[in-house]
Amino acid sequence: MLEFGPNMSTWCLMSVQIVGLASAWLARIGEGSRHQVSYQLAFFICLGGVGLATIGALFRSPGSCVMTGATLSVMVLAATWDFSAGNRATM
């Protein structure tokens, strides 16, 4: 069976987090463009990947899942937070 060393698994977790954050950024930037659907699909795929990486990191060692869990939270916030709310007129 293929076994990753500590450095390889750390690099894999970091790359999953970076790709996940980049997909959240693309989903926000692509809002209203013709590529919006594909960016959102990529975001949801990466969201699942970061979720699985968080679960895998939890089984690896309980302390190593903190950063992937934080990345998961930032991805959800970046995708759902309405940044244009301050630009709307209030009644």
C-alpha atoms as a PDB file:
ATOM      1  CA  MET A   1       0.000   0.000   0.000  1.00  0.00           C
ATOM      2  CA  LEU A   2       1.181   3.516  -0.778  1.00  0.00           C
ATOM      3  CA  GLU A   3       2.317   5.301   2.369  1.00  0.00           C
ATOM      4  CA  PHE A   4       3.010   9.024   2.541  1.00  0.00           C
ATOM      5  CA  GLY A   5       5.730  10.378   4.774  1.00  0.00           C
ATOM      6  CA  PRO A   6       5.020  13.309   7.097  1.00  0.00           C
ATOM      7  CA  ASN A   7       6.427  15.862   4.647  1.00  0.00           C
ATOM      8  CA  MET A   8       4.458  14.528   1.695  1.00  0.00           C
ATOM      9  CA  SER A   9       1.152  14.490   3.562  1.00  0.00           C
ATOM     10  CA  THR A  10       1.792  18.029   4.818  1.00  0.00           C
ATOM     11  CA  TRP A  11       2.412  19.233   1.267  1.00  0.00           C
ATOM     12  CA  CYS A  12      -0.725  17.445   0.066  1.00  0.00           C
ATOM     13  CA  LEU A  13      -2.821  19.098   2.772  1.00  0.00           C
ATOM     14  CA  MET A  14      -1.342  22.502   1.960  1.00  0.00           C
ATOM     15  CA  SER A  15      -1.992  22.129  -1.749  1.00  0.00           C
ATOM     16  CA  VAL A  16      -5.607  21.067  -1.145  1.00  0.00           C
ATOM     17  CA  GLN A  17      -6.084  24.156   1.033  1.00  0.00           C
ATOM     18  CA  ILE A  18      -4.538  26.519  -1.514  1.00  0.00           C
ATOM     19  CA  VAL A  19      -6.642  25.118  -4.357  1.00  0.00           C
ATOM     20  CA  GLY A  20      -9.742  25.321  -2.158  1.00  0.00           C
ATOM     21  CA  LEU A  21      -9.160  28.965  -1.277  1.00  0.00           C
ATOM     22  CA  ALA A  22      -8.422  29.790  -4.912  1.00  0.00           C
ATOM     23  CA  SER A  23     -11.699  28.179  -5.966  1.00  0.00           C
ATOM     24  CA  ALA A  24     -13.611  30.254  -3.394  1.00  0.00           C
ATOM     25  CA  TRP A  25     -11.938  33.380  -4.732  1.00  0.00           C
ATOM     26  CA  LEU A  26     -12.798  32.424  -8.318  1.00  0.00           C
ATOM     27  CA  ALA A  27     -16.410  31.717  -7.360  1.00  0.00           C
ATOM     28  CA  ARG A  28     -16.676  35.231  -5.903  1.00  0.00           C
ATOM     29  CA  ILE A  29     -14.874  36.974  -8.758  1.00  0.00           C
ATOM     30  CA  GLY A  30     -16.771  35.055 -11.424  1.00  0.00           C
ATOM     31  CA  GLU A  31     -20.146  36.116 -10.085  1.00  0.00           C
ATOM     32  CA  GLY A  32     -22.227  37.382 -12.980  1.00  0.00           C
ATOM     33  CA  SER A  33     -19.772  36.229 -15.658  1.00  0.00           C
ATOM     34  CA  ARG A  34     -20.387  33.555 -18.250  1.00  0.00           C
ATOM     35  CA  HIS A  35     -18.084  31.181 -16.318  1.00  0.00           C
ATOM     36  CA  GLN A  36     -20.026  31.495 -13.057  1.00  0.00           C
ATOM     37  CA  VAL A  37     -21.509  27.994 -13.186  1.00  0.00           C
ATOM     38  CA  SER A  38     -18.168  26.300 -13.841  1.00  0.00           C
ATOM     39  CA  TYR A  39     -16.467  28.303 -11.070  1.00  0.00           C
ATOM     40  CA  GLN A  40     -19.209  27.359  -8.639  1.00  0.00           C
ATOM     41  CA  LEU A  41     -18.966  23.711  -9.642  1.00  0.00           C
ATOM     42  CA  ALA A  42     -15.200  23.792  -9.100  1.00  0.00           C
ATOM     43  CA  PHE A  43     -15.805  25.430  -5.712  1.00  0.00           C
ATOM     44  CA  PHE A  44     -18.209  22.699  -4.596  1.00  0.00           C
ATOM     45  CA  ILE A  45     -15.812  19.983  -5.716  1.00  0.00           C
ATOM     46  CA  CYS A  46     -12.969  21.679  -3.809  1.00  0.00           C
ATOM     47  CA  LEU A  47     -15.238  22.166  -0.779  1.00  0.00           C
ATOM     48  CA  GLY A  48     -15.785  18.414  -0.678  1.00  0.00           C
ATOM     49  CA  GLY A  49     -12.051  17.825  -1.151  1.00  0.00           C
ATOM     50  CA  VAL A  50     -11.144  20.124   1.724  1.00  0.00           C
ATOM     51  CA  GLY A  51     -13.810  18.453   3.860  1.00  0.00           C
ATOM     52  CA  LEU A  52     -12.335  15.036   3.142  1.00  0.00           C
ATOM     53  CA  ALA A  53      -8.837  16.390   3.793  1.00  0.00           C
ATOM     54  CA  THR A  54     -10.046  17.697   7.156  1.00  0.00           C
ATOM     55  CA  ILE A  55     -11.417  14.287   8.082  1.00  0.00           C
ATOM     56  CA  GLY A  56      -8.200  12.613   6.925  1.00  0.00           C
ATOM     57  CA  ALA A  57      -6.103  15.095   8.911  1.00  0.00           C
ATOM     58  CA  LEU A  58      -8.206  14.366  11.985  1.00  0.00           C
ATOM     59  CA  PHE A  59      -7.351  10.675  11.711  1.00  0.00           C
ATOM     60  CA  ARG A  60      -3.689  11.506  11.090  1.00  0.00           C
ATOM     61  CA  SER A  61      -3.377  13.491  14.307  1.00  0.00           C
ATOM     62  CA  PRO A  62      -5.992  15.610  16.069  1.00  0.00           C
ATOM     63  CA  GLY A  63      -3.887  18.784  15.959  1.00  0.00           C
ATOM     64  CA  SER A  64      -3.276  18.680  12.216  1.00  0.00           C
ATOM     65  CA  CYS A  65      -6.913  19.206  11.275  1.00  0.00           C
ATOM     66  CA  VAL A  66      -7.036  22.749  12.675  1.00  0.00           C
ATOM     67  CA  MET A  67      -5.688  24.457   9.560  1.00  0.00           C
ATOM     68  CA  THR A  68      -7.815  22.441   7.138  1.00  0.00           C
ATOM     69  CA  GLY A  69     -10.872  23.099   9.289  1.00  0.00           C
ATOM     70  CA  ALA A  70     -10.078  26.810   9.267  1.00  0.00           C
ATOM     71  CA  THR A  71      -9.694  26.695   5.477  1.00  0.00           C
ATOM     72  CA  LEU A  72     -13.062  24.978   5.219  1.00  0.00           C
ATOM     73  CA  SER A  73     -14.635  27.728   7.323  1.00  0.00           C
ATOM     74  CA  VAL A  74     -13.022  30.511   5.281  1.00  0.00           C
ATOM     75  CA  MET A  75     -14.209  28.879   2.054  1.00  0.00           C
ATOM     76  CA  VAL A  76     -17.793  28.758   3.308  1.00  0.00           C
ATOM     77  CA  LEU A  77     -17.652  32.366   4.489  1.00  0.00           C
ATOM     78  CA  ALA A  78     -16.111  33.577   1.232  1.00  0.00           C
ATOM     79  CA  ALA A  79     -18.803  31.844  -0.787  1.00  0.00           C
ATOM     80  CA  THR A  80     -21.789  33.005   1.257  1.00  0.00           C
ATOM     81  CA  TRP A  81     -20.903  36.455   2.596  1.00  0.00           C
ATOM     82  CA  ASP A  82     -22.596  39.246   0.642  1.00  0.00           C
ATOM     83  CA  PHE A  83     -19.883  41.856   0.190  1.00  0.00           C
ATOM     84  CA  SER A  84     -22.167  44.230  -1.712  1.00  0.00           C
ATOM     85  CA  ALA A  85     -24.547  44.773   1.224  1.00  0.00           C
ATOM     86  CA  GLY A  86     -22.849  48.070   2.124  1.00  0.00           C
ATOM     87  CA  ASN A  87     -23.453  49.461  -1.351  1.00  0.00           C
ATOM     88  CA  ARG A  88     -27.232  49.185  -1.144  1.00  0.00           C
ATOM     89  CA  ALA A  89     -29.360  52.112  -0.097  1.00  0.00           C
ATOM     90  CA  THR A  90     -31.017  51.773   3.284  1.00  0.00           C
ATOM     91  CA  MET A  91     -34.624  52.730   3.860  1.00  0.00           C
END
